[in-house]
Every structure is written in structure tokens, then in C-alpha cells.
Protein backbone atom coordinates (compact mmCIF):
# COMPACT_ATOMS: atom_id res chain seq x y z
CA MET A 1 127.70 284.99 114.16
CA ARG A 2 128.40 282.01 116.42
CA LYS A 3 131.99 280.88 116.84
CA VAL A 4 134.00 277.87 117.98
CA ILE A 5 136.80 278.10 120.54
CA GLY A 6 139.26 275.23 120.82
CA ILE A 7 141.65 274.64 123.71
CA GLY A 8 144.43 272.07 123.46
CA GLU A 9 148.03 271.29 122.65
CA THR A 10 149.91 272.11 119.49
CA ILE A 11 152.37 269.55 118.21
CA PHE A 12 154.35 268.92 115.04
CA ASP A 13 153.63 265.49 113.50
CA ILE A 14 156.32 263.75 111.46
CA ILE A 15 154.70 260.83 109.63
CA PHE A 16 156.50 257.59 108.73
CA LYS A 17 155.56 254.77 106.37
CA ASN A 18 157.85 251.73 106.15
CA ASN A 19 160.17 253.58 108.56
CA GLN A 20 160.70 256.45 106.11
CA PRO A 21 159.32 259.98 106.73
CA ILE A 22 156.60 260.82 104.19
CA GLY A 23 155.26 264.10 105.60
CA ALA A 24 155.35 266.65 108.40
CA VAL A 25 152.33 268.70 109.46
CA PRO A 26 151.24 270.86 112.41
CA GLY A 27 148.85 268.93 114.65
CA GLY A 28 147.30 268.38 118.04
CA SER A 29 143.89 266.87 118.78
CA ALA A 30 141.77 270.03 119.11
CA PHE A 31 144.07 271.93 116.72
CA ASN A 32 143.36 269.52 113.83
CA GLY A 33 139.62 270.03 114.26
CA MET A 34 140.02 273.81 114.35
CA ILE A 35 141.96 273.83 111.07
CA SER A 36 139.13 271.88 109.39
CA LEU A 37 136.52 274.25 110.83
CA GLY A 38 138.54 277.29 109.71
CA ARG A 39 138.72 275.86 106.19
CA SER A 40 134.96 275.26 106.29
CA GLY A 41 134.06 278.88 106.97
CA VAL A 42 133.41 278.62 110.72
CA GLU A 43 134.65 281.55 112.79
CA CYS A 44 137.09 280.01 115.25
CA SER A 45 139.93 280.72 117.64
CA PHE A 46 142.40 278.50 119.46
CA ILE A 47 143.88 278.64 122.96
CA SER A 48 147.23 276.92 123.36
CA GLU A 49 150.94 277.37 123.82
CA THR A 50 153.96 276.66 121.67
CA GLY A 51 157.72 276.85 121.83
CA ASN A 52 159.88 279.78 120.82
CA ASP A 53 161.31 278.11 117.71
CA ARG A 54 160.76 277.58 114.00
CA VAL A 55 158.24 274.82 114.67
CA GLY A 56 156.17 277.14 116.87
CA GLU A 57 156.28 279.90 114.27
CA SER A 58 155.12 277.52 111.53
CA ILE A 59 152.24 276.23 113.69
CA ILE A 60 150.95 279.76 114.37
CA ARG A 61 151.35 280.75 110.72
CA PHE A 62 149.52 277.58 109.60
CA ALA A 63 146.59 278.34 111.95
CA ARG A 64 146.22 281.90 110.64
CA GLU A 65 146.51 280.83 106.99
CA ASN A 66 143.59 278.47 107.57
CA GLY A 67 141.24 281.00 109.13
CA VAL A 68 141.93 280.23 112.81
CA ASN A 69 142.46 283.16 115.18
CA ALA A 70 145.81 282.41 116.88
CA ASP A 71 145.95 285.43 119.21
CA ASN A 72 145.59 283.11 122.23
CA ILE A 73 148.45 280.77 121.27
CA ASN A 74 151.15 281.84 123.70
CA VAL A 75 154.82 281.55 122.85
CA PHE A 76 157.04 280.82 125.86
CA PRO A 77 160.63 282.03 125.45
CA GLU A 78 162.35 279.13 127.21
CA SER A 79 160.35 276.26 125.73
CA LYS A 80 160.65 274.00 122.70
CA SER A 81 157.64 272.98 120.61
CA PRO A 82 156.58 269.35 121.08
CA ILE A 83 157.11 266.80 118.31
CA SER A 84 155.38 263.52 117.59
CA LEU A 85 156.51 260.69 115.34
CA ALA A 86 153.58 258.80 113.81
CA PHE A 87 154.36 255.37 112.29
CA LEU A 88 151.67 254.12 109.88
CA ASP A 89 151.06 250.35 109.78
CA GLU A 90 149.68 248.29 106.87
CA LYS A 91 146.12 249.51 107.68
CA ASN A 92 147.43 253.12 107.80
CA ASP A 93 146.67 253.33 111.52
CA ALA A 94 149.30 255.25 113.48
CA ASP A 95 151.49 254.28 116.40
CA TYR A 96 152.95 257.36 118.14
CA LEU A 97 156.10 258.45 119.88
CA PHE A 98 155.81 261.81 121.66
CA TYR A 99 158.65 264.15 122.52
CA LYS A 100 157.16 266.62 124.97
CA ASP A 101 158.07 268.05 128.34
CA HIS A 102 154.69 267.82 130.17
CA PRO A 103 155.99 268.90 133.62
CA HIS A 104 156.99 272.25 132.10
CA ASP A 105 153.60 272.87 130.47
CA GLN A 106 152.27 276.31 131.25
CA LEU A 107 149.18 278.15 130.17
CA ASP A 108 148.64 281.85 130.49
CA PHE A 109 145.98 283.58 128.41
CA VAL A 110 143.28 286.23 128.44
CA TYR A 111 139.83 284.65 128.08
CA PRO A 112 138.45 285.21 124.58
CA ASP A 113 134.95 286.63 124.26
CA VAL A 114 132.37 283.86 124.81
CA GLN A 115 128.74 284.39 123.76
CA PRO A 116 125.68 282.17 124.28
CA ASP A 117 125.58 279.25 121.77
CA ASP A 118 129.31 279.47 120.96
CA ILE A 119 130.90 276.01 121.04
CA VAL A 120 134.01 275.13 123.03
CA MET A 121 135.99 272.02 122.02
CA PHE A 122 138.44 270.41 124.43
CA SER A 123 140.13 267.02 124.40
CA SER A 124 142.88 264.55 125.23
CA PHE A 125 145.56 264.70 127.96
CA TYR A 126 145.52 268.49 127.72
CA ALA A 127 141.99 268.50 129.17
CA VAL A 128 143.07 266.54 132.28
CA ASN A 129 146.77 267.54 132.62
CA PRO A 130 147.23 268.36 136.35
CA VAL A 131 149.91 270.99 135.63
CA ILE A 132 147.56 273.31 133.72
CA ARG A 133 144.28 272.12 135.26
CA PRO A 134 143.44 275.34 137.13
CA GLN A 135 143.64 277.42 133.93
CA VAL A 136 141.79 274.87 131.75
CA TYR A 137 139.02 274.30 134.32
CA GLY A 138 138.71 278.05 134.93
CA PHE A 139 138.13 278.74 131.25
CA LEU A 140 135.70 275.83 130.72
CA ASN A 141 133.65 276.90 133.71
CA TYR A 142 133.66 280.52 132.48
CA ALA A 143 132.50 279.42 129.00
CA ARG A 144 129.71 277.31 130.47
CA GLN A 145 128.49 280.20 132.63
CA HIS A 146 128.42 282.38 129.49
CA GLY A 147 126.06 279.97 127.70
CA ALA A 148 128.52 278.11 125.47
CA ILE A 149 128.02 274.47 124.43
CA LEU A 150 130.94 272.31 125.63
CA TYR A 151 132.08 269.39 123.45
CA TYR A 152 134.55 266.99 125.09
CA ASP A 153 136.57 264.33 123.25
CA VAL A 154 138.21 262.00 125.81
CA ASN A 155 141.08 260.88 123.53
CA LEU A 156 143.32 259.47 126.28
CA ARG A 157 146.20 257.46 124.84
CA PRO A 158 147.45 254.17 126.32
CA SER A 159 150.70 255.95 127.27
CA HIS A 160 148.72 257.60 130.10
CA ARG A 161 147.31 254.29 131.44
CA HIS A 162 149.58 254.41 134.51
CA GLU A 163 148.17 257.86 135.43
CA VAL A 164 144.46 257.02 135.26
CA MET A 165 143.91 257.12 139.05
CA LYS A 166 145.53 260.53 139.30
CA LEU A 167 143.63 261.93 136.29
CA THR A 168 140.17 260.55 137.17
CA PRO A 169 138.96 263.55 139.25
CA ASN A 170 139.77 265.92 136.34
CA PHE A 171 138.11 263.54 133.88
CA LEU A 172 134.90 263.41 135.97
CA GLU A 173 134.87 267.21 136.24
CA ASN A 174 135.10 267.38 132.43
CA LEU A 175 132.16 264.99 132.05
CA GLU A 176 130.13 267.18 134.37
CA LEU A 177 130.96 270.35 132.40
CA ALA A 178 130.38 268.79 128.97
CA ASP A 179 127.14 268.88 126.98
CA ILE A 180 128.33 266.20 124.53
CA VAL A 181 131.03 263.60 125.21
CA ARG A 182 132.75 261.53 122.54
CA GLY A 183 135.27 258.78 123.13
CA SER A 184 136.75 255.85 121.27
CA LYS A 185 136.69 252.18 122.21
CA GLU A 186 140.42 252.47 123.11
CA ASP A 187 139.78 255.43 125.44
CA PHE A 188 137.36 253.47 127.60
CA GLU A 189 139.54 250.36 127.62
CA VAL A 190 142.31 252.59 129.04
CA LEU A 191 140.05 254.36 131.54
CA PHE A 192 137.57 251.72 132.67
CA LYS A 193 138.68 248.41 131.08
CA LYS A 194 135.25 248.34 129.38
CA ASP A 195 134.61 247.84 125.65
CA ASP A 196 130.83 248.00 125.29
CA PRO A 197 129.09 251.35 124.59
CA ASP A 198 126.05 250.55 126.77
CA LYS A 199 128.16 249.52 129.77
CA VAL A 200 130.35 252.63 129.39
CA TYR A 201 127.35 254.96 129.05
CA ASN A 202 125.24 253.45 131.84
CA ALA A 203 128.02 252.91 134.38
CA GLU A 204 130.41 255.78 133.71
CA ILE A 205 128.92 258.62 131.61
CA SER A 206 125.14 259.06 131.87
CA PHE A 207 125.18 260.27 135.48
CA TYR A 208 127.33 263.26 134.42
CA CYS A 209 126.46 263.85 130.75
CA LYS A 210 123.40 262.67 128.82
CA ASN A 211 124.79 262.90 125.27
CA PHE A 212 127.40 260.26 124.45
CA ILE A 213 129.05 259.22 121.18
CA TYR A 214 131.20 256.06 121.11
CA THR A 215 133.42 255.49 118.08
CA GLN A 216 135.25 252.29 117.22
CA GLY A 217 137.49 252.83 114.20
CA ALA A 218 135.87 251.14 111.20
CA GLY A 219 133.07 249.80 113.43
CA PRO A 220 129.73 251.59 113.76
CA VAL A 221 129.35 254.84 115.71
CA ALA A 222 127.16 254.29 118.78
CA LEU A 223 124.96 257.17 119.99
CA ARG A 224 123.47 257.07 123.49
CA THR A 225 121.26 259.82 124.93
CA ASN A 226 118.17 260.03 127.14
CA GLN A 227 115.95 259.88 124.06
CA VAL A 228 117.97 258.20 121.29
CA LYS A 229 119.90 254.93 121.08
CA LYS A 230 121.29 254.28 117.63
CA GLU A 231 124.22 252.79 115.66
CA TYR A 232 125.61 254.48 112.54
CA PRO A 233 127.57 252.24 110.14
CA ILE A 234 130.82 253.59 108.67
CA ALA A 235 131.01 253.71 104.86
CA ALA A 236 134.02 251.85 103.46
CA THR A 237 136.70 254.33 102.36
CA GLU A 238 140.22 254.00 101.02
CA THR A 239 142.36 255.37 103.82
CA VAL A 240 145.78 256.93 103.35
CA SER A 241 146.15 257.75 107.06
CA THR A 242 143.80 257.57 110.03
CA ILE A 243 145.69 260.33 111.90
CA GLY A 244 143.12 263.01 112.64
CA ALA A 245 140.10 260.78 111.90
CA GLY A 246 138.61 261.31 115.36
CA ASP A 247 139.61 264.98 115.51
CA ASN A 248 137.78 265.59 112.25
CA PHE A 249 134.77 263.61 113.40
CA ASN A 250 134.59 266.20 116.20
CA ALA A 251 135.01 269.07 113.74
CA GLY A 252 132.28 267.72 111.47
CA LEU A 253 129.87 267.28 114.36
CA VAL A 254 130.48 270.86 115.53
CA TYR A 255 130.16 272.12 111.93
CA GLY A 256 126.81 270.28 111.74
CA MET A 257 125.66 271.98 114.94
CA MET A 258 126.40 275.35 113.34
CA LYS A 259 124.82 274.45 110.01
CA TYR A 260 121.63 272.98 111.51
CA ASP A 261 121.29 275.61 114.23
CA ILE A 262 121.77 273.34 117.27
CA THR A 263 121.79 275.84 120.15
CA ARG A 264 122.36 275.48 123.89
CA GLU A 265 118.59 275.36 124.32
CA THR A 266 118.29 272.56 121.71
CA VAL A 267 120.94 270.55 123.58
CA GLU A 268 119.23 271.05 126.94
CA GLN A 269 115.84 270.02 125.53
CA GLY A 270 117.44 267.00 123.84
CA LEU A 271 118.19 266.61 120.13
CA THR A 272 115.73 264.60 118.05
CA GLU A 273 116.87 261.50 116.16
CA GLU A 274 116.65 263.50 112.91
CA GLN A 275 118.96 266.20 114.30
CA TRP A 276 121.50 263.59 115.44
CA ASP A 277 121.32 261.93 111.99
CA LEU A 278 122.21 265.23 110.29
CA ILE A 279 125.13 266.19 112.52
CA ILE A 280 126.62 262.68 112.69
CA GLN A 281 126.49 262.56 108.89
CA CYS A 282 128.61 265.74 108.85
CA ALA A 283 130.99 264.18 111.38
CA GLN A 284 131.44 261.09 109.21
CA GLU A 285 131.98 263.16 106.06
CA PHE A 286 134.74 265.23 107.69
CA SER A 287 136.40 262.13 109.13
CA ALA A 288 136.32 260.24 105.83
CA ASN A 289 137.77 263.21 103.93
CA CYS A 290 140.64 263.58 106.38
CA CYS A 291 141.56 259.87 106.02
CA GLN A 292 142.12 260.33 102.27
CA SER A 293 145.45 262.17 102.73
CA ILE A 294 148.39 262.34 105.12
CA ASN A 295 147.16 265.72 106.35
CA ASN A 296 145.50 266.03 109.76
CA ALA A 297 142.57 268.11 108.48
CA VAL A 298 140.02 268.10 105.67
CA SER A 299 141.24 269.20 102.24
CA VAL A 300 141.04 272.84 101.19
CA GLU A 301 138.58 271.90 98.39
CA PHE A 302 136.28 270.01 100.79
CA GLY A 303 136.45 272.98 103.19
CA ALA A 304 135.47 275.40 100.41
CA GLN A 305 132.42 273.26 99.58
CA LYS A 306 131.38 273.11 103.26
CA LYS A 307 131.89 276.88 103.61
CA LYS A 308 129.44 277.43 100.76
CA GLU A 309 126.89 275.06 102.34
CA LEU A 310 127.22 276.81 105.71
CA GLN A 311 126.72 280.27 104.19
CA GLU A 312 123.60 279.05 102.34
CA ALA A 313 122.19 277.52 105.55
CA LEU A 314 122.80 280.74 107.53
CA GLU A 315 121.23 282.88 104.79
CA GLN A 316 118.12 280.64 104.76
CA LYS A 317 117.82 280.99 108.53
CA GLU A 318 117.89 284.79 108.26
CA GLN A 319 115.12 284.90 105.65
């Protein structure tokens, strides 16, 4: 059975609407995707760290309750778990305030077992953070050498704009390691001051990674690869919160790769347009479901339905 390994930060999101708190949920970019995959019947584990406090305990408990192996989430005795405040505007898009001590980040873990065709998800500042770079790069390189597929979501917030020069070497290394790269319009405005998917792909991405997905909120998803150039419109949905929309797009895409048997070999040969259509549809379904609540992951009911579909697909493959 193939599995997914996520590596990223854990954080506790407190969500505000009209300046009043309306919810509090464990989060983190890669973490949100892992919770959705765990709920959808995918075998998954998460590499991270958390503080030695009630928030850290609740994050680890939440992961395990949702089918995510948390053995590689390290608890550091002297540290506090990070918190984020997310303020929803009239479109239910979030503006964030982060309370986190990045200079004291530390990462110390035993590499989990990585088999060919497993998928590793990594994203955001965590994937380029200079303080933990040796450990993150070491694991990503190890996973690649063991035949895993690497999925990279850029997800670099405007708060890191002033650090772009310093982070660029790590970012380029990530592009080189990755088999599929996804980023949002905002990410590439921060990184390259470019807001056109073709310009971003041709000038900045294609040299390092051939498979590129460019998302732009409610605008169409742009896919650029060696063989396929396509736009996917977004179906209109009533959104309660867009927190986790991108993280769940990632989860849905990875779920689709499991369901439709997209292996390392498939990726290296190049996916057909039909294969991209199928997995991007999954990505959009996961993202839309997440936006219908103030939670950062897909609903338990949606996950149960996807779990059933995945089991049926795997059984058909075995026949």
C-alpha cells in the first residue's frame, strides 16, 4: 500500500469574523492536507515539531484521531506551540497574524520508511526556512533517492517578501527536487513580481520542474507541462472560509494520484491530459468541500465517501 508523508509546521488557528473569534482548529499548510488525506483513507504520516503545551498535545491528538501517524511530530520541552490569528473579510478570505519564534525552530527526527511511488508533500516557509534547511533538504533528497514522488506547494506569504533574496537558493533547490510544483498567483507576485502563469512557468519553473499548477483563487487553475497546457474553471461555491483551500487542493491532487495509480514512472513519462483532468477534478472537489466550513480540512462525511471510492479503485486494480 502506497503512503503519503507530509513535512511542515503545525500551528493553532484562531479564526475571527467581524473581530470576534468563531473557531479554533489545529492547522499548518501541509498538516491541513494530511488531515484530509487521513480522513479519506490514505495511509499517511507527518513530520513536524510542536511545543510542550496543551496546544501541542491537542494537535498531536487531532492528527491521530484523523488517521495520521504522528510518531514523527517531535515535542520540544522548552518551546511553545505557534499560534495564528486568521481574520475573515467579507469574501471570507483570511488575513493572518502569526505568533511564532522562527529563529528557535528545530527539527530532529528519524526518517520514516520511504518506498517507491510513495508521495512526499512539502510547502510554505517551512520548506525554505534556513534554520531547519539541512534536515528538510536531507529528508527530501533521501525520499527522492528512494523513488518517492515529491509534491511542492510554494505557499510563500507576503510577510516573507523582505527575505526573498535569502530564501531563493532553497526555493530553487526545492524546484529541482520536485516532480510537481503548485503555487498561487500571490506566491509568484511575492517571489518574482510576475502574475501570468506562462511567464512564471517559462522564465522561472520549467527549467527545474516540468509539471506546474498555477492557482488564482476563484480564477481558473492553469496547468503547464511539457505536453499539456490547459485552464480549468472553478465552479461557483458558497464559501464559509477560504482557509485551507490551497492545502486541500494539494490533498485532493495527491488523493487523485493514489486513486488513479499515478506512479513515479507515470510522472517521468508525462501524464496525459485525461490523467491531469481526473486528478485536478479531485483537487477541486477537496478544495471546494473545505471552503464550506471554518475547518481547515474536508468534512468527515466527505472523507468517508472518498475512502470508499479509493478502496473500490484499489480493489479494481488488484483484480
